[in-house]
Amino acid sequence: MTESEFNDLVDTTLENIEYQLDDAESDLDYENSGGVLTVICENRSQIIFTRQAPVLQLWVATRSGGFHFDYKDGGWVRDSDGESLADFLQSAFRDQANETFSFDFS
């Protein structure tokens, strides 16, 4: 995958997340600046998405830690255990924002 293709994938993924957040019932704020998407939950905790073009990964920081995702076989998967980004985010937003989302990155 080229760096340009990677950046397009990350942009599409972040836009998908933003669309889901726009439909949230709680007061979630977000800012997308310089390829970094920062989501601020009502409780002031943050979920931060950053692109890491040199290693072709999407990194996600939550209050429980930092996680790295690779794009494989048409979807984002966590490098440590293969969990999908969609499943990971459902858990992360439930835990941090008490919100339920159904993400689809295909």
C-alpha atoms as a PDB file:
ATOM      1  CA  MET A   1       0.000   0.000   0.000  1.00  0.00           C
ATOM      2  CA  THR A   2       1.315   3.431  -0.865  1.00  0.00           C
ATOM      3  CA  GLU A   3       1.351   6.273   1.619  1.00  0.00           C
ATOM      4  CA  SER A   4      -1.292   8.065  -0.458  1.00  0.00           C
ATOM      5  CA  GLU A   5      -3.602   5.027  -0.340  1.00  0.00           C
ATOM      6  CA  PHE A   6      -3.021   4.752   3.408  1.00  0.00           C
ATOM      7  CA  ASN A   7      -3.873   8.420   3.954  1.00  0.00           C
ATOM      8  CA  ASP A   8      -7.068   8.037   1.911  1.00  0.00           C
ATOM      9  CA  LEU A   9      -8.095   5.042   4.053  1.00  0.00           C
ATOM     10  CA  VAL A  10      -7.440   6.916   7.290  1.00  0.00           C
ATOM     11  CA  ASP A  11      -9.334   9.983   6.038  1.00  0.00           C
ATOM     12  CA  THR A  12     -12.337   7.840   5.125  1.00  0.00           C
ATOM     13  CA  THR A  13     -12.213   6.058   8.493  1.00  0.00           C
ATOM     14  CA  LEU A  14     -12.029   9.298  10.464  1.00  0.00           C
ATOM     15  CA  GLU A  15     -14.904  10.783   8.450  1.00  0.00           C
ATOM     16  CA  ASN A  16     -16.984   7.672   9.209  1.00  0.00           C
ATOM     17  CA  ILE A  17     -16.278   8.104  12.916  1.00  0.00           C
ATOM     18  CA  GLU A  18     -17.266  11.777  12.750  1.00  0.00           C
ATOM     19  CA  TYR A  19     -20.596  10.889  11.092  1.00  0.00           C
ATOM     20  CA  GLN A  20     -21.344   8.429  13.877  1.00  0.00           C
ATOM     21  CA  LEU A  21     -20.457  10.995  16.529  1.00  0.00           C
ATOM     22  CA  ASP A  22     -22.783  13.551  14.952  1.00  0.00           C
ATOM     23  CA  ASP A  23     -25.650  11.155  15.724  1.00  0.00           C
ATOM     24  CA  ALA A  24     -24.667  10.725  19.383  1.00  0.00           C
ATOM     25  CA  GLU A  25     -27.275  11.430  22.041  1.00  0.00           C
ATOM     26  CA  SER A  26     -24.691  12.603  24.552  1.00  0.00           C
ATOM     27  CA  ASP A  27     -22.555  15.699  24.346  1.00  0.00           C
ATOM     28  CA  LEU A  28     -19.510  14.409  22.475  1.00  0.00           C
ATOM     29  CA  ASP A  29     -17.223  17.022  20.978  1.00  0.00           C
ATOM     30  CA  TYR A  30     -14.545  16.329  18.432  1.00  0.00           C
ATOM     31  CA  GLU A  31     -11.846  18.153  16.540  1.00  0.00           C
ATOM     32  CA  ASN A  32     -10.028  16.950  13.458  1.00  0.00           C
ATOM     33  CA  SER A  33      -6.831  18.869  12.914  1.00  0.00           C
ATOM     34  CA  GLY A  34      -3.692  17.871  11.049  1.00  0.00           C
ATOM     35  CA  GLY A  35      -4.763  14.243  10.720  1.00  0.00           C
ATOM     36  CA  VAL A  36      -5.499  13.886  14.434  1.00  0.00           C
ATOM     37  CA  LEU A  37      -9.095  13.295  15.523  1.00  0.00           C
ATOM     38  CA  THR A  38      -9.678  14.078  19.190  1.00  0.00           C
ATOM     39  CA  VAL A  39     -13.002  13.045  20.716  1.00  0.00           C
ATOM     40  CA  ILE A  40     -13.882  14.660  24.031  1.00  0.00           C
ATOM     41  CA  CYS A  41     -16.458  12.779  26.072  1.00  0.00           C
ATOM     42  CA  GLU A  42     -18.912  14.356  28.527  1.00  0.00           C
ATOM     43  CA  ASN A  43     -16.721  13.195  31.409  1.00  0.00           C
ATOM     44  CA  ARG A  44     -13.799  15.072  29.758  1.00  0.00           C
ATOM     45  CA  SER A  45     -11.904  11.878  28.908  1.00  0.00           C
ATOM     46  CA  GLN A  46     -10.549  11.713  25.379  1.00  0.00           C
ATOM     47  CA  ILE A  47     -10.211   9.199  22.584  1.00  0.00           C
ATOM     48  CA  ILE A  48      -7.498  10.254  20.151  1.00  0.00           C
ATOM     49  CA  PHE A  49      -6.905   8.904  16.645  1.00  0.00           C
ATOM     50  CA  THR A  50      -3.586   9.517  14.880  1.00  0.00           C
ATOM     51  CA  ARG A  51      -2.200   8.316  11.577  1.00  0.00           C
ATOM     52  CA  GLN A  52       1.263   6.855  11.551  1.00  0.00           C
ATOM     53  CA  ALA A  53       2.186   6.887   7.874  1.00  0.00           C
ATOM     54  CA  PRO A  54       5.764   5.572   8.292  1.00  0.00           C
ATOM     55  CA  VAL A  55       4.410   2.277   9.698  1.00  0.00           C
ATOM     56  CA  LEU A  56       1.023   2.413   7.896  1.00  0.00           C
ATOM     57  CA  GLN A  57      -0.934   2.233  11.146  1.00  0.00           C
ATOM     58  CA  LEU A  58      -3.859   4.012  12.749  1.00  0.00           C
ATOM     59  CA  TRP A  59      -3.176   4.603  16.441  1.00  0.00           C
ATOM     60  CA  VAL A  60      -5.954   5.029  18.984  1.00  0.00           C
ATOM     61  CA  ALA A  61      -5.372   6.338  22.507  1.00  0.00           C
ATOM     62  CA  THR A  62      -8.013   5.772  25.180  1.00  0.00           C
ATOM     63  CA  ARG A  63      -7.896   6.097  28.926  1.00  0.00           C
ATOM     64  CA  SER A  64      -7.093   2.360  29.075  1.00  0.00           C
ATOM     65  CA  GLY A  65      -4.034   2.654  26.808  1.00  0.00           C
ATOM     66  CA  GLY A  66      -2.713   3.069  23.296  1.00  0.00           C
ATOM     67  CA  PHE A  67      -3.569   0.670  20.474  1.00  0.00           C
ATOM     68  CA  HIS A  68      -2.242   0.173  16.946  1.00  0.00           C
ATOM     69  CA  PHE A  69      -4.316  -0.903  13.946  1.00  0.00           C
ATOM     70  CA  ASP A  70      -3.179  -2.259  10.588  1.00  0.00           C
ATOM     71  CA  TYR A  71      -5.294  -2.337   7.444  1.00  0.00           C
ATOM     72  CA  LYS A  72      -5.546  -5.998   6.373  1.00  0.00           C
ATOM     73  CA  ASP A  73      -7.946  -7.868   4.130  1.00  0.00           C
ATOM     74  CA  GLY A  74     -10.249  -4.856   3.735  1.00  0.00           C
ATOM     75  CA  GLY A  75     -10.463  -3.752   7.368  1.00  0.00           C
ATOM     76  CA  TRP A  76      -8.622  -2.249  10.321  1.00  0.00           C
ATOM     77  CA  VAL A  77      -7.401  -4.815  12.869  1.00  0.00           C
ATOM     78  CA  ARG A  78      -5.468  -4.383  16.098  1.00  0.00           C
ATOM     79  CA  ASP A  79      -1.890  -5.546  15.621  1.00  0.00           C
ATOM     80  CA  SER A  80      -1.714  -7.309  18.993  1.00  0.00           C
ATOM     81  CA  ASP A  81      -4.728  -9.623  18.703  1.00  0.00           C
ATOM     82  CA  GLY A  82      -6.596  -9.026  15.431  1.00  0.00           C
ATOM     83  CA  GLU A  83      -9.652  -7.368  17.025  1.00  0.00           C
ATOM     84  CA  SER A  84     -11.464  -5.193  14.492  1.00  0.00           C
ATOM     85  CA  LEU A  85     -11.417  -1.429  14.892  1.00  0.00           C
ATOM     86  CA  ALA A  86     -15.230  -1.427  14.837  1.00  0.00           C
ATOM     87  CA  ASP A  87     -15.476  -3.844  17.782  1.00  0.00           C
ATOM     88  CA  PHE A  88     -12.733  -2.041  19.664  1.00  0.00           C
ATOM     89  CA  LEU A  89     -14.446   1.344  19.255  1.00  0.00           C
ATOM     90  CA  GLN A  90     -17.816  -0.010  20.332  1.00  0.00           C
ATOM     91  CA  SER A  91     -16.210  -1.074  23.630  1.00  0.00           C
ATOM     92  CA  ALA A  92     -14.135   2.089  24.010  1.00  0.00           C
ATOM     93  CA  PHE A  93     -17.079   4.454  23.494  1.00  0.00           C
ATOM     94  CA  ARG A  94     -19.311   2.380  25.750  1.00  0.00           C
ATOM     95  CA  ASP A  95     -16.685   2.464  28.519  1.00  0.00           C
ATOM     96  CA  GLN A  96     -15.619   6.094  28.172  1.00  0.00           C
ATOM     97  CA  ALA A  97     -18.725   7.895  26.929  1.00  0.00           C
ATOM     98  CA  ASN A  98     -21.541   5.539  27.886  1.00  0.00           C
ATOM     99  CA  GLU A  99     -22.539   5.620  24.198  1.00  0.00           C
ATOM    100  CA  THR A 100     -23.406   2.745  21.915  1.00  0.00           C
ATOM    101  CA  PHE A 101     -22.277   2.979  18.312  1.00  0.00           C
ATOM    102  CA  SER A 102     -22.306   0.542  15.433  1.00  0.00           C
ATOM    103  CA  PHE A 103     -19.239   1.282  13.333  1.00  0.00           C
ATOM    104  CA  ASP A 104     -18.745  -0.130   9.830  1.00  0.00           C
ATOM    105  CA  PHE A 105     -15.443   0.520   8.093  1.00  0.00           C
ATOM    106  CA  SER A 106     -15.841  -1.787   5.112  1.00  0.00           C
END
